[in-house]
C-alpha atoms as a PDB file:
ATOM      1  CA  UNK A   1      -3.430   2.552 -89.951  1.00  0.00           C
ATOM      2  CA  UNK A   2      -1.594   2.409 -86.622  1.00  0.00           C
ATOM      3  CA  UNK A   3      -3.005   4.061 -83.575  1.00  0.00           C
ATOM      4  CA  UNK A   4      -0.972   7.077 -82.413  1.00  0.00           C
ATOM      5  CA  UNK A   5      -0.029   6.834 -78.776  1.00  0.00           C
ATOM      6  CA  UNK A   6      -0.575  10.033 -76.745  1.00  0.00           C
ATOM      7  CA  UNK A   7       2.363  10.981 -74.532  1.00  0.00           C
ATOM      8  CA  UNK A   8      -0.100  12.484 -72.001  1.00  0.00           C
ATOM      9  CA  UNK A   9      -2.055   9.232 -71.660  1.00  0.00           C
ATOM     10  CA  UNK A  10       1.140   7.242 -71.363  1.00  0.00           C
ATOM     11  CA  UNK A  11       2.389   9.554 -68.633  1.00  0.00           C
ATOM     12  CA  UNK A  12      -0.949   9.352 -66.768  1.00  0.00           C
ATOM     13  CA  UNK A  13      -0.931   5.574 -66.893  1.00  0.00           C
ATOM     14  CA  UNK A  14       2.628   5.479 -65.632  1.00  0.00           C
ATOM     15  CA  UNK A  15       1.770   7.901 -62.813  1.00  0.00           C
ATOM     16  CA  UNK A  16      -1.248   5.837 -61.793  1.00  0.00           C
ATOM     17  CA  UNK A  17       0.780   2.651 -61.777  1.00  0.00           C
ATOM     18  CA  UNK A  18       3.517   4.226 -59.701  1.00  0.00           C
ATOM     19  CA  UNK A  19       1.496   6.332 -57.245  1.00  0.00           C
ATOM     20  CA  UNK A  20      -2.012   4.873 -57.342  1.00  0.00           C
ATOM     21  CA  UNK A  21      -1.240   2.241 -54.737  1.00  0.00           C
ATOM     22  CA  UNK A  22       0.176   4.938 -52.444  1.00  0.00           C
ATOM     23  CA  UNK A  23      -2.989   6.993 -52.766  1.00  0.00           C
ATOM     24  CA  UNK A  24      -5.193   3.968 -52.092  1.00  0.00           C
ATOM     25  CA  UNK A  25      -3.163   3.072 -49.029  1.00  0.00           C
ATOM     26  CA  UNK A  26      -3.368   6.661 -47.771  1.00  0.00           C
ATOM     27  CA  UNK A  27      -7.167   6.640 -48.129  1.00  0.00           C
ATOM     28  CA  UNK A  28      -7.409   3.369 -46.200  1.00  0.00           C
ATOM     29  CA  UNK A  29      -5.324   4.744 -43.337  1.00  0.00           C
ATOM     30  CA  UNK A  30      -7.486   7.855 -43.251  1.00  0.00           C
ATOM     31  CA  UNK A  31     -10.569   5.655 -42.910  1.00  0.00           C
ATOM     32  CA  UNK A  32      -8.941   3.636 -40.120  1.00  0.00           C
ATOM     33  CA  UNK A  33      -7.953   6.824 -38.288  1.00  0.00           C
ATOM     34  CA  UNK A  34     -11.488   8.185 -38.610  1.00  0.00           C
ATOM     35  CA  UNK A  35     -12.969   4.976 -37.180  1.00  0.00           C
ATOM     36  CA  UNK A  36     -10.503   5.068 -34.268  1.00  0.00           C
ATOM     37  CA  UNK A  37     -11.396   8.675 -33.506  1.00  0.00           C
ATOM     38  CA  UNK A  38     -15.085   7.791 -33.557  1.00  0.00           C
ATOM     39  CA  UNK A  39     -14.576   4.864 -31.179  1.00  0.00           C
ATOM     40  CA  UNK A  40     -12.499   7.051 -28.842  1.00  0.00           C
ATOM     41  CA  UNK A  41     -15.189   9.742 -28.801  1.00  0.00           C
ATOM     42  CA  UNK A  42     -17.890   7.196 -27.961  1.00  0.00           C
ATOM     43  CA  UNK A  43     -15.748   5.683 -25.194  1.00  0.00           C
ATOM     44  CA  UNK A  44     -15.038   9.078 -23.625  1.00  0.00           C
ATOM     45  CA  UNK A  45     -18.729   9.967 -23.773  1.00  0.00           C
ATOM     46  CA  UNK A  46     -19.747   6.736 -22.032  1.00  0.00           C
ATOM     47  CA  UNK A  47     -17.113   7.227 -19.327  1.00  0.00           C
ATOM     48  CA  UNK A  48     -18.409  10.736 -18.715  1.00  0.00           C
ATOM     49  CA  UNK A  49     -21.987   9.501 -18.409  1.00  0.00           C
ATOM     50  CA  UNK A  50     -20.963   6.798 -15.932  1.00  0.00           C
ATOM     51  CA  UNK A  51     -18.929   9.276 -13.909  1.00  0.00           C
ATOM     52  CA  UNK A  52     -21.849  11.685 -13.605  1.00  0.00           C
ATOM     53  CA  UNK A  53     -24.325   9.024 -12.521  1.00  0.00           C
ATOM     54  CA  UNK A  54     -24.724   8.218  -8.822  1.00  0.00           C
ATOM     55  CA  UNK A  55     -24.526   4.473  -8.378  1.00  0.00           C
ATOM     56  CA  UNK A  56     -25.602   3.247  -4.939  1.00  0.00           C
ATOM     57  CA  UNK A  57     -24.947  -0.350  -3.999  1.00  0.00           C
ATOM     58  CA  UNK A  58     -27.499  -1.590  -1.416  1.00  0.00           C
ATOM     59  CA  UNK A  59     -26.208  -3.382   1.680  1.00  0.00           C
ATOM     60  CA  UNK A  60     -27.708  -5.580   4.375  1.00  0.00           C
ATOM     61  CA  UNK A  61     -26.399  -5.210   7.926  1.00  0.00           C
ATOM     62  CA  UNK A  62     -26.410  -8.090  10.413  1.00  0.00           C
ATOM     63  CA  UNK A  63     -26.791  -7.354  14.119  1.00  0.00           C
ATOM     64  CA  UNK A  64     -26.042  -9.228  17.312  1.00  0.00           C
ATOM     65  CA  UNK A  65     -28.549 -10.072  20.053  1.00  0.00           C
ATOM     66  CA  UNK A  66     -28.282  -6.525  21.401  1.00  0.00           C
ATOM     67  CA  UNK A  67     -29.076  -4.982  18.030  1.00  0.00           C
ATOM     68  CA  UNK A  68     -25.511  -3.866  17.279  1.00  0.00           C
ATOM     69  CA  UNK A  69     -24.195  -4.111  13.725  1.00  0.00           C
ATOM     70  CA  UNK A  70     -21.696  -6.958  13.307  1.00  0.00           C
ATOM     71  CA  UNK A  71     -21.529  -7.574   9.542  1.00  0.00           C
ATOM     72  CA  UNK A  72     -22.323  -5.850   6.277  1.00  0.00           C
ATOM     73  CA  UNK A  73     -23.110  -7.586   2.971  1.00  0.00           C
ATOM     74  CA  UNK A  74     -24.137  -6.374  -0.462  1.00  0.00           C
ATOM     75  CA  UNK A  75     -27.910  -6.613  -0.760  1.00  0.00           C
ATOM     76  CA  UNK A  76     -27.734  -7.667  -4.410  1.00  0.00           C
ATOM     77  CA  UNK A  77     -25.636 -10.657  -3.358  1.00  0.00           C
ATOM     78  CA  UNK A  78     -26.900 -11.259   0.163  1.00  0.00           C
ATOM     79  CA  UNK A  79     -29.238 -13.970   1.361  1.00  0.00           C
ATOM     80  CA  UNK A  80     -32.738 -13.142   2.702  1.00  0.00           C
ATOM     81  CA  UNK A  81     -32.775 -11.110   5.917  1.00  0.00           C
ATOM     82  CA  UNK A  82     -32.638 -13.455   8.896  1.00  0.00           C
ATOM     83  CA  UNK A  83     -35.365 -13.633  11.540  1.00  0.00           C
ATOM     84  CA  UNK A  84     -32.856 -12.436  14.121  1.00  0.00           C
ATOM     85  CA  UNK A  85     -32.451  -9.114  12.323  1.00  0.00           C
ATOM     86  CA  UNK A  86     -36.205  -8.678  11.919  1.00  0.00           C
ATOM     87  CA  UNK A  87     -36.752  -9.413  15.619  1.00  0.00           C
ATOM     88  CA  UNK A  88     -34.105  -6.881  16.649  1.00  0.00           C
ATOM     89  CA  UNK A  89     -35.540  -4.159  14.412  1.00  0.00           C
ATOM     90  CA  UNK A  90     -39.103  -4.723  15.662  1.00  0.00           C
ATOM     91  CA  UNK A  91     -37.935  -4.513  19.276  1.00  0.00           C
ATOM     92  CA  UNK A  92     -35.970  -1.335  18.568  1.00  0.00           C
ATOM     93  CA  UNK A  93     -38.998   0.190  16.855  1.00  0.00           C
ATOM     94  CA  UNK A  94     -41.216  -0.408  19.909  1.00  0.00           C
ATOM     95  CA  UNK A  95     -38.614   1.045  22.279  1.00  0.00           C
ATOM     96  CA  UNK A  96     -38.078   4.158  20.148  1.00  0.00           C
ATOM     97  CA  UNK A  97     -41.820   4.602  19.661  1.00  0.00           C
ATOM     98  CA  UNK A  98     -43.138   4.240  23.214  1.00  0.00           C
ATOM     99  CA  UNK A  99     -40.264   5.547  25.346  1.00  0.00           C
ATOM    100  CA  UNK A 100     -40.725   8.997  26.873  1.00  0.00           C
ATOM    101  CA  UNK A 101     -37.711  10.901  28.182  1.00  0.00           C
ATOM    102  CA  UNK A 102     -37.107  14.368  29.549  1.00  0.00           C
ATOM    103  CA  UNK A 103     -34.127  14.744  27.212  1.00  0.00           C
ATOM    104  CA  UNK A 104     -35.690  16.575  24.239  1.00  0.00           C
ATOM    105  CA  UNK A 105     -32.704  15.890  21.973  1.00  0.00           C
ATOM    106  CA  UNK A 106     -32.777  12.164  22.720  1.00  0.00           C
ATOM    107  CA  UNK A 107     -36.549  12.068  22.335  1.00  0.00           C
ATOM    108  CA  UNK A 108     -36.288  13.658  18.895  1.00  0.00           C
ATOM    109  CA  UNK A 109     -33.704  11.097  17.803  1.00  0.00           C
ATOM    110  CA  UNK A 110     -35.907   8.232  18.973  1.00  0.00           C
ATOM    111  CA  UNK A 111     -38.880   9.582  17.032  1.00  0.00           C
ATOM    112  CA  UNK A 112     -36.720   9.936  13.925  1.00  0.00           C
ATOM    113  CA  UNK A 113     -35.355   6.390  14.267  1.00  0.00           C
ATOM    114  CA  UNK A 114     -38.851   5.004  14.649  1.00  0.00           C
ATOM    115  CA  UNK A 115     -40.128   6.903  11.596  1.00  0.00           C
ATOM    116  CA  UNK A 116     -37.376   5.299   9.477  1.00  0.00           C
ATOM    117  CA  UNK A 117     -38.936   1.871   9.975  1.00  0.00           C
ATOM    118  CA  UNK A 118     -42.661   2.535   9.420  1.00  0.00           C
ATOM    119  CA  UNK A 119     -44.446   3.045   6.117  1.00  0.00           C
ATOM    120  CA  UNK A 120     -48.011   2.886   4.836  1.00  0.00           C
ATOM    121  CA  UNK A 121     -50.721   2.231   7.441  1.00  0.00           C
ATOM    122  CA  UNK A 122     -48.127   1.825  10.213  1.00  0.00           C
ATOM    123  CA  UNK A 123     -46.898   5.368   9.641  1.00  0.00           C
ATOM    124  CA  UNK A 124     -50.443   6.694   9.962  1.00  0.00           C
ATOM    125  CA  UNK A 125     -51.011   4.660  13.144  1.00  0.00           C
ATOM    126  CA  UNK A 126     -47.880   5.957  14.867  1.00  0.00           C
ATOM    127  CA  UNK A 127     -48.609   9.506  13.740  1.00  0.00           C
ATOM    128  CA  UNK A 128     -52.048   9.272  15.342  1.00  0.00           C
ATOM    129  CA  UNK A 129     -50.450   7.977  18.542  1.00  0.00           C
ATOM    130  CA  UNK A 130     -48.048  10.922  18.704  1.00  0.00           C
ATOM    131  CA  UNK A 131     -50.887  13.391  18.128  1.00  0.00           C
ATOM    132  CA  UNK A 132     -52.792  11.952  21.095  1.00  0.00           C
ATOM    133  CA  UNK A 133     -49.703  11.314  23.260  1.00  0.00           C
ATOM    134  CA  UNK A 134     -47.191  14.034  22.498  1.00  0.00           C
ATOM    135  CA  UNK A 135     -43.918  12.678  23.956  1.00  0.00           C
ATOM    136  CA  UNK A 136     -42.409  16.152  24.415  1.00  0.00           C
ATOM    137  CA  UNK A 137     -45.366  17.295  26.512  1.00  0.00           C
ATOM    138  CA  UNK A 138     -45.568  13.998  28.418  1.00  0.00           C
ATOM    139  CA  UNK A 139     -41.858  14.202  29.197  1.00  0.00           C
ATOM    140  CA  UNK A 140     -42.437  17.395  31.185  1.00  0.00           C
ATOM    141  CA  UNK A 141     -44.677  15.515  33.643  1.00  0.00           C
ATOM    142  CA  UNK A 142     -43.560  11.886  33.593  1.00  0.00           C
ATOM    143  CA  UNK A 143     -41.194   9.395  32.022  1.00  0.00           C
ATOM    144  CA  UNK A 144     -42.043   6.108  30.288  1.00  0.00           C
ATOM    145  CA  UNK A 145     -39.675   3.152  30.372  1.00  0.00           C
ATOM    146  CA  UNK A 146     -40.176   0.322  27.875  1.00  0.00           C
ATOM    147  CA  UNK A 147     -39.124  -3.239  28.716  1.00  0.00           C
ATOM    148  CA  UNK A 148     -39.427  -5.794  25.883  1.00  0.00           C
ATOM    149  CA  UNK A 149     -40.761  -9.132  27.207  1.00  0.00           C
ATOM    150  CA  UNK A 150     -39.102 -11.754  25.054  1.00  0.00           C
ATOM    151  CA  UNK A 151     -38.177 -11.704  21.398  1.00  0.00           C
ATOM    152  CA  UNK A 152     -40.891 -11.012  18.793  1.00  0.00           C
ATOM    153  CA  UNK A 153     -42.477 -14.226  17.517  1.00  0.00           C
ATOM    154  CA  UNK A 154     -43.775 -14.877  13.988  1.00  0.00           C
ATOM    155  CA  UNK A 155     -47.511 -15.471  13.590  1.00  0.00           C
ATOM    156  CA  UNK A 156     -47.382 -15.776   9.793  1.00  0.00           C
ATOM    157  CA  UNK A 157     -44.881 -15.393   6.974  1.00  0.00           C
ATOM    158  CA  UNK A 158     -45.083 -11.582   7.257  1.00  0.00           C
ATOM    159  CA  UNK A 159     -46.584 -10.823  10.691  1.00  0.00           C
ATOM    160  CA  UNK A 160     -44.946 -10.804  14.116  1.00  0.00           C
ATOM    161  CA  UNK A 161     -46.198 -10.480  17.691  1.00  0.00           C
ATOM    162  CA  UNK A 162     -44.336  -8.650  20.438  1.00  0.00           C
ATOM    163  CA  UNK A 163     -45.054  -7.940  24.123  1.00  0.00           C
ATOM    164  CA  UNK A 164     -43.632  -5.221  26.321  1.00  0.00           C
ATOM    165  CA  UNK A 165     -44.067  -3.562  29.703  1.00  0.00           C
ATOM    166  CA  UNK A 166     -44.437   0.203  30.036  1.00  0.00           C
ATOM    167  CA  UNK A 167     -43.540   1.704  33.397  1.00  0.00           C
ATOM    168  CA  UNK A 168     -44.520   5.318  34.025  1.00  0.00           C
ATOM    169  CA  UNK A 169     -42.282   7.104  36.513  1.00  0.00           C
ATOM    170  CA  UNK A 170     -42.163  10.591  37.920  1.00  0.00           C
ATOM    171  CA  UNK A 171     -39.044  12.680  37.557  1.00  0.00           C
ATOM    172  CA  UNK A 172     -37.813  11.363  40.898  1.00  0.00           C
ATOM    173  CA  UNK A 173     -37.743   7.862  39.437  1.00  0.00           C
ATOM    174  CA  UNK A 174     -40.693   6.532  41.439  1.00  0.00           C
ATOM    175  CA  UNK A 175     -42.884   4.103  39.478  1.00  0.00           C
ATOM    176  CA  UNK A 176     -46.515   5.188  39.267  1.00  0.00           C
ATOM    177  CA  UNK A 177     -48.063   2.643  36.886  1.00  0.00           C
ATOM    178  CA  UNK A 178     -47.012  -0.440  34.936  1.00  0.00           C
ATOM    179  CA  UNK A 179     -48.945  -1.705  31.928  1.00  0.00           C
ATOM    180  CA  UNK A 180     -48.351  -4.673  29.629  1.00  0.00           C
ATOM    181  CA  UNK A 181     -48.979  -4.307  25.903  1.00  0.00           C
ATOM    182  CA  UNK A 182     -48.864  -6.503  22.859  1.00  0.00           C
ATOM    183  CA  UNK A 183     -48.643  -5.555  19.210  1.00  0.00           C
ATOM    184  CA  UNK A 184     -48.912  -7.328  15.897  1.00  0.00           C
ATOM    185  CA  UNK A 185     -46.797  -5.910  13.096  1.00  0.00           C
ATOM    186  CA  UNK A 186     -46.610  -6.739   9.418  1.00  0.00           C
ATOM    187  CA  UNK A 187     -43.090  -6.592   7.995  1.00  0.00           C
ATOM    188  CA  UNK A 188     -41.816  -6.000   4.484  1.00  0.00           C
ATOM    189  CA  UNK A 189     -38.190  -6.312   3.398  1.00  0.00           C
ATOM    190  CA  UNK A 190     -37.037  -3.634   0.964  1.00  0.00           C
ATOM    191  CA  UNK A 191     -33.210  -3.340   0.595  1.00  0.00           C
ATOM    192  CA  UNK A 192     -31.972   0.274   0.671  1.00  0.00           C
ATOM    193  CA  UNK A 193     -31.164   1.968  -2.630  1.00  0.00           C
ATOM    194  CA  UNK A 194     -30.158   5.476  -1.490  1.00  0.00           C
ATOM    195  CA  UNK A 195     -27.485   6.837   0.845  1.00  0.00           C
ATOM    196  CA  UNK A 196     -30.068   8.051   3.392  1.00  0.00           C
ATOM    197  CA  UNK A 197     -31.811   4.656   3.460  1.00  0.00           C
ATOM    198  CA  UNK A 198     -28.499   2.865   3.979  1.00  0.00           C
ATOM    199  CA  UNK A 199     -27.737   5.111   6.952  1.00  0.00           C
ATOM    200  CA  UNK A 200     -31.216   5.129   8.543  1.00  0.00           C
ATOM    201  CA  UNK A 201     -32.471   1.613   7.772  1.00  0.00           C
ATOM    202  CA  UNK A 202     -29.551  -0.501   6.470  1.00  0.00           C
ATOM    203  CA  UNK A 203     -31.347  -3.846   6.809  1.00  0.00           C
ATOM    204  CA  UNK A 204     -34.359  -2.623   4.836  1.00  0.00           C
ATOM    205  CA  UNK A 205     -36.881  -3.900   7.414  1.00  0.00           C
ATOM    206  CA  UNK A 206     -40.118  -1.897   7.245  1.00  0.00           C
ATOM    207  CA  UNK A 207     -43.309  -2.224   9.277  1.00  0.00           C
ATOM    208  CA  UNK A 208     -46.303  -1.673   7.001  1.00  0.00           C
ATOM    209  CA  UNK A 209     -49.126  -2.416   9.467  1.00  0.00           C
ATOM    210  CA  UNK A 210     -49.231  -1.997  13.247  1.00  0.00           C
ATOM    211  CA  UNK A 211     -51.933  -2.722  15.817  1.00  0.00           C
ATOM    212  CA  UNK A 212     -51.587  -2.861  19.603  1.00  0.00           C
ATOM    213  CA  UNK A 213     -53.615  -3.338  22.763  1.00  0.00           C
ATOM    214  CA  UNK A 214     -53.275  -3.666  26.525  1.00  0.00           C
ATOM    215  CA  UNK A 215     -52.909  -7.162  27.881  1.00  0.00           C
ATOM    216  CA  UNK A 216     -55.767  -8.128  30.225  1.00  0.00           C
ATOM    217  CA  UNK A 217     -53.554 -10.035  32.634  1.00  0.00           C
ATOM    218  CA  UNK A 218     -51.507  -7.426  34.471  1.00  0.00           C
END
């Protein structure tokens, strides 16, 4: 007995043969399009995240013998801070710390510059000095001129010694007293990572410990 062939099954088979490959191809392209859309969405999201993040590149600034900036290098690519830079920053710190002027605006700037270079115990030491020797009150009666005597010299891998002469003058410019001092400072290098640090302390030279005394030989 022969098997009767259904016209509906024959038509379905013919339709599948003719259009099945088209349908399969369409489904594959849909999958590819979906993957592309997903990749695009991820890429846009990552770009947005990067755009909203503040990325600060640290820099190291080189100075000349007068303490003026002469070169700028990326801190993540730069070599260790040279002794010349450390010496200049230590000398500037002493001048900004101990100078007394009648110009209140200038005095404020000097105090702010000094505070940008001291941290830890050194910050506490300088704060105690200002409490006992308020520069704004002293400036109403006398002026103090600071003269650095030679470049700071290293006494260890982290500590430096510096000498200076303080001359107290009246507002007429007449010298009243002159006193020699020496200080030992401990230095730590910490490259800047924020905009404010780059502006205030671009070399990243910080004094962590500070002790000073009068020199006996005057």
